[in-house]
Amino acid sequence: MKSKTVRISGVPWFGGFQFIGMNNQMKPFDNVNVRLAIAHAVPYQAMFDTVLYGRGRPLFDGKNPEANSTEWPVALPYSTNLEKARKYLADAGLANGFDTTFSFDMAVAETAEPIAVLLQESLAKIGIKVKINKIPSGQQGSLLQNKELPFFFEQSGAWLNDPDYFFRVFYQGDSRWNYGSYKNPEMEEAVKLARYETDPKKYETLVKKMITLAMTEVPIILLWSPYLDVVLGTKIRGYKYMFHRELELRTLSNS
């Protein structure tokens, strides 16, 4: 939409991401081949176009199957490929699929519901029957804290632009923020060592190991970093994106 009175400034949410979560401690999501099957059955582009209207940075359809830098999050090496998805499902011993429930918080239904419907339709093509579970606002946090949801949509974000911080928060430990309930001694050791590593080469090696584990074991499926859109009058100048995602008024002026 073009306008003579307003303009939109859109910046990808720094460290932020929307994702599909799978509880790695619950069957059948404790099987990495099941997680890989779903990762290759998600209709990423349809979701991105329908839900975000392209207003975000895709974290899918990546070209590198393992880490080639310390940048994170990056596009994961998954794209919609139902043939691959069926093969992974067969490798998991579930060639005929299975039944599951996909949950989301009703407070974000405008985004989450079309994601759930598109996911339900796509997974049905590989034999996974999904029941959509709309959770009353505010309850999903408690269910995630108690690790009670097997399969769900959520969003979160890291405050700091350090990859080891990201993995420390979201890919290990017992907190709510380890959305996939992911437990891997290699990841835990790498996170522990990287936190206080001062040698750049050693730090790079540790971070690349974390990234490769995240790509190959798929604890959660990152979808995209949505834009933080701000609508400004055409005379407003000096807008700056801030990592805390709050509007900084001190830099603004009315020219």
Protein backbone atom coordinates (compact mmCIF):
# COMPACT_ATOMS: atom_id res chain seq x y z
CA MET A 1 0.00 0.00 0.00
CA LYS A 2 1.30 3.44 -0.93
CA SER A 3 0.48 6.48 1.14
CA LYS A 4 1.34 10.16 1.01
CA THR A 5 0.85 10.61 4.76
CA VAL A 6 2.59 7.63 6.38
CA ARG A 7 5.49 5.28 5.76
CA ILE A 8 6.41 1.91 7.26
CA SER A 9 9.84 1.07 8.62
CA GLY A 10 10.33 -2.70 8.88
CA VAL A 11 13.37 -4.29 10.55
CA PRO A 12 13.77 -8.03 11.25
CA TRP A 13 13.29 -8.67 14.96
CA PHE A 14 16.81 -8.78 16.37
CA GLY A 15 17.38 -12.29 17.76
CA GLY A 16 13.66 -12.99 17.50
CA PHE A 17 12.05 -16.01 15.93
CA GLN A 18 8.74 -17.78 15.49
CA PHE A 19 8.94 -21.55 15.48
CA ILE A 20 7.36 -24.98 15.64
CA GLY A 21 8.21 -26.74 18.88
CA MET A 22 8.47 -30.48 19.45
CA ASN A 23 9.00 -32.00 22.90
CA ASN A 24 12.10 -34.13 22.35
CA GLN A 25 11.32 -36.16 25.47
CA MET A 26 7.85 -37.24 24.29
CA LYS A 27 7.13 -39.98 21.80
CA PRO A 28 7.26 -39.87 18.83
CA PHE A 29 9.19 -36.56 18.89
CA ASP A 30 12.01 -38.19 20.83
CA ASN A 31 13.00 -39.77 17.50
CA VAL A 32 15.19 -37.44 15.42
CA ASN A 33 13.84 -38.96 12.19
CA VAL A 34 10.32 -37.88 13.17
CA ARG A 35 11.57 -34.36 13.76
CA LEU A 36 13.39 -34.39 10.41
CA ALA A 37 10.25 -35.70 8.69
CA ILE A 38 8.21 -32.79 10.03
CA ALA A 39 10.98 -30.33 9.18
CA HIS A 40 10.71 -31.42 5.54
CA ALA A 41 6.90 -31.41 5.50
CA VAL A 42 6.30 -27.88 6.79
CA PRO A 43 4.84 -25.66 4.02
CA TYR A 44 7.28 -22.84 4.78
CA GLN A 45 6.72 -20.53 1.83
CA ALA A 46 2.93 -20.82 1.99
CA MET A 47 3.05 -19.96 5.68
CA PHE A 48 5.46 -17.07 5.14
CA ASP A 49 3.34 -15.55 2.38
CA THR A 50 -0.04 -16.17 4.01
CA VAL A 51 0.76 -15.28 7.60
CA LEU A 52 3.53 -12.68 7.36
CA TYR A 53 2.88 -11.41 3.82
CA GLY A 54 6.64 -11.75 3.39
CA ARG A 55 7.31 -9.29 6.24
CA GLY A 56 10.22 -11.11 7.85
CA ARG A 57 13.56 -12.83 7.40
CA PRO A 58 13.10 -16.51 6.42
CA LEU A 59 14.87 -19.09 8.56
CA PHE A 60 14.15 -21.95 6.14
CA ASP A 61 15.46 -23.16 2.80
CA GLY A 62 19.10 -22.77 3.83
CA LYS A 63 21.81 -24.10 1.55
CA ASN A 64 24.35 -25.22 4.16
CA PRO A 65 23.71 -28.56 5.93
CA GLU A 66 26.15 -27.62 8.70
CA ALA A 67 27.71 -24.49 10.16
CA ASN A 68 30.05 -22.47 7.98
CA SER A 69 30.20 -19.41 10.27
CA THR A 70 29.21 -18.36 13.80
CA GLU A 71 26.19 -16.37 12.62
CA TRP A 72 22.97 -17.46 14.31
CA PRO A 73 20.09 -17.77 13.79
CA VAL A 74 20.46 -18.54 10.09
CA ALA A 75 18.29 -20.27 7.51
CA LEU A 76 18.07 -23.95 8.39
CA PRO A 77 18.66 -26.56 5.66
CA TYR A 78 15.01 -27.60 5.36
CA SER A 79 12.50 -26.90 2.63
CA THR A 80 9.18 -28.51 1.80
CA ASN A 81 9.99 -31.95 0.36
CA LEU A 82 7.31 -34.55 1.07
CA GLU A 83 9.32 -37.38 -0.49
CA LYS A 84 12.14 -36.77 1.98
CA ALA A 85 9.62 -36.41 4.79
CA ARG A 86 8.07 -39.81 4.02
CA LYS A 87 11.53 -41.42 3.96
CA TYR A 88 12.44 -40.02 7.38
CA LEU A 89 9.09 -41.16 8.74
CA ALA A 90 9.72 -44.67 7.42
CA ASP A 91 13.21 -44.62 8.96
CA ALA A 92 11.53 -43.83 12.28
CA GLY A 93 9.36 -46.93 11.91
CA LEU A 94 6.25 -44.82 11.34
CA ALA A 95 5.68 -45.18 7.60
CA ASN A 96 1.91 -45.04 8.17
CA GLY A 97 2.18 -41.85 10.21
CA PHE A 98 0.70 -41.15 13.64
CA ASP A 99 -1.82 -38.94 15.45
CA THR A 100 -0.82 -35.86 17.43
CA THR A 101 -2.04 -32.51 18.75
CA PHE A 102 -0.69 -29.13 17.66
CA SER A 103 -1.25 -26.34 20.18
CA PHE A 104 -1.15 -22.57 20.12
CA ASP A 105 -2.07 -19.68 22.42
CA MET A 106 -5.35 -18.05 21.39
CA ALA A 107 -3.78 -14.65 22.11
CA VAL A 108 -1.75 -15.03 18.91
CA ALA A 109 -4.45 -16.81 16.89
CA GLU A 110 -4.25 -14.31 14.05
CA THR A 111 -0.78 -15.65 13.28
CA ALA A 112 -0.91 -19.12 14.76
CA GLU A 113 -4.24 -20.41 13.42
CA PRO A 114 -3.39 -20.19 9.70
CA ILE A 115 0.01 -21.73 10.51
CA ALA A 116 -1.76 -24.60 12.28
CA VAL A 117 -4.21 -25.18 9.42
CA LEU A 118 -1.50 -25.15 6.74
CA LEU A 119 0.66 -27.48 8.83
CA GLN A 120 -2.29 -29.82 9.43
CA GLU A 121 -2.98 -30.02 5.68
CA SER A 122 0.65 -30.68 4.77
CA LEU A 123 1.33 -33.29 7.47
CA ALA A 124 -1.81 -35.17 6.45
CA LYS A 125 -0.09 -35.84 3.11
CA ILE A 126 2.56 -37.94 4.87
CA GLY A 127 0.12 -39.71 7.18
CA ILE A 128 0.41 -37.51 10.29
CA LYS A 129 -3.05 -36.63 11.57
CA VAL A 130 -3.04 -33.39 13.53
CA LYS A 131 -5.72 -32.16 15.92
CA ILE A 132 -5.51 -28.40 16.47
CA ASN A 133 -5.62 -27.33 20.11
CA LYS A 134 -6.42 -23.68 20.85
CA ILE A 135 -5.24 -22.87 24.37
CA PRO A 136 -6.92 -20.06 26.34
CA SER A 137 -4.67 -17.03 26.63
CA GLY A 138 -2.10 -17.23 29.40
CA GLN A 139 -2.19 -21.01 29.91
CA GLN A 140 0.39 -21.95 27.31
CA GLY A 141 3.22 -20.51 29.40
CA SER A 142 2.41 -22.85 32.28
CA LEU A 143 2.09 -25.84 29.96
CA LEU A 144 5.48 -25.03 28.41
CA GLN A 145 7.06 -24.56 31.83
CA ASN A 146 5.80 -28.01 32.85
CA LYS A 147 6.85 -29.55 29.52
CA GLU A 148 3.33 -30.82 28.86
CA LEU A 149 2.89 -29.86 25.19
CA PRO A 150 4.13 -32.34 22.57
CA PHE A 151 3.83 -30.14 19.46
CA PHE A 152 3.13 -26.40 19.30
CA PHE A 153 3.66 -22.93 17.84
CA GLU A 154 5.50 -20.24 19.81
CA GLN A 155 7.73 -17.20 19.45
CA SER A 156 10.66 -15.92 21.45
CA GLY A 157 13.83 -13.88 21.16
CA ALA A 158 17.34 -13.47 22.53
CA TRP A 159 18.41 -10.17 24.11
CA LEU A 160 22.08 -10.56 23.24
CA ASN A 161 23.67 -11.02 19.82
CA ASP A 162 25.97 -13.83 20.97
CA PRO A 163 25.39 -17.30 19.55
CA ASP A 164 26.54 -19.07 22.73
CA TYR A 165 23.95 -17.04 24.69
CA PHE A 166 21.23 -18.13 22.25
CA PHE A 167 22.09 -21.80 22.63
CA ARG A 168 22.51 -21.51 26.40
CA VAL A 169 18.96 -20.15 26.69
CA PHE A 170 17.06 -22.12 24.06
CA TYR A 171 18.89 -25.41 23.47
CA GLN A 172 19.81 -26.80 26.87
CA GLY A 173 18.78 -26.85 30.52
CA ASP A 174 15.44 -27.34 32.28
CA SER A 175 13.93 -23.89 31.86
CA ARG A 176 10.78 -23.09 29.94
CA TRP A 177 12.94 -21.49 27.25
CA ASN A 178 14.41 -24.85 26.22
CA TYR A 179 11.24 -25.28 24.19
CA GLY A 180 12.24 -28.59 22.65
CA SER A 181 13.21 -30.12 26.03
CA TYR A 182 16.43 -30.87 24.18
CA LYS A 183 19.04 -32.86 26.11
CA ASN A 184 22.40 -33.52 24.48
CA PRO A 185 25.65 -33.77 26.48
CA GLU A 186 27.64 -32.48 23.49
CA MET A 187 25.53 -29.31 23.31
CA GLU A 188 25.67 -28.81 27.08
CA GLU A 189 29.46 -29.15 27.14
CA ALA A 190 29.94 -26.80 24.18
CA VAL A 191 27.67 -24.19 25.79
CA LYS A 192 29.53 -24.46 29.08
CA LEU A 193 32.96 -24.04 27.47
CA ALA A 194 31.96 -21.26 25.05
CA ARG A 195 30.53 -19.03 27.77
CA TYR A 196 33.97 -18.12 29.13
CA GLU A 197 36.18 -18.91 26.10
CA THR A 198 38.45 -15.99 25.17
CA ASP A 199 40.31 -17.60 22.28
CA PRO A 200 38.45 -16.58 19.06
CA LYS A 201 39.37 -19.78 17.20
CA LYS A 202 38.28 -22.06 20.03
CA TYR A 203 35.07 -20.05 20.45
CA GLU A 204 34.33 -20.35 16.73
CA THR A 205 34.85 -24.13 16.83
CA LEU A 206 32.47 -24.49 19.78
CA VAL A 207 29.77 -22.32 18.21
CA LYS A 208 29.95 -24.17 14.89
CA LYS A 209 29.48 -27.41 16.79
CA MET A 210 26.35 -26.02 18.44
CA ILE A 211 24.95 -24.82 15.14
CA THR A 212 25.60 -28.14 13.42
CA LEU A 213 23.87 -30.01 16.27
CA ALA A 214 20.87 -27.69 16.00
CA MET A 215 20.68 -28.29 12.26
CA THR A 216 21.06 -32.07 12.36
CA GLU A 217 18.98 -32.87 15.45
CA VAL A 218 16.18 -30.32 14.91
CA PRO A 219 15.17 -29.70 18.54
CA ILE A 220 12.79 -27.01 17.24
CA ILE A 221 11.97 -25.78 13.74
CA LEU A 222 12.78 -22.10 13.28
CA LEU A 223 10.41 -20.46 10.78
CA TRP A 224 11.41 -16.81 10.45
CA SER A 225 12.37 -13.60 12.23
CA PRO A 226 9.31 -11.36 11.80
CA TYR A 227 9.72 -7.69 11.00
CA LEU A 228 9.15 -5.11 13.68
CA ASP A 229 7.03 -2.68 11.67
CA VAL A 230 6.66 0.93 12.77
CA VAL A 231 4.25 3.33 11.06
CA LEU A 232 5.65 6.86 10.84
CA GLY A 233 4.34 10.13 9.54
CA THR A 234 6.24 11.34 6.48
CA LYS A 235 7.69 14.26 8.47
CA ILE A 236 9.03 12.08 11.30
CA ARG A 237 12.81 11.59 11.19
CA GLY A 238 15.39 9.83 13.35
CA TYR A 239 13.68 6.50 13.97
CA LYS A 240 16.13 3.86 15.22
CA TYR A 241 15.47 0.19 15.81
CA MET A 242 16.37 -0.79 19.39
CA PHE A 243 17.21 -4.32 20.51
CA HIS A 244 14.62 -4.15 23.31
CA ARG A 245 11.92 -3.50 20.67
CA GLU A 246 10.53 -0.40 22.44
CA LEU A 247 10.14 2.91 20.63
CA GLU A 248 13.00 5.32 21.40
CA LEU A 249 11.46 8.79 21.44
CA ARG A 250 14.67 10.75 22.12
CA THR A 251 15.95 10.27 18.57
CA LEU A 252 12.73 11.35 16.85
CA SER A 253 12.10 14.75 15.34
CA ASN A 254 9.29 16.36 13.35
CA SER A 255 10.79 18.05 10.29
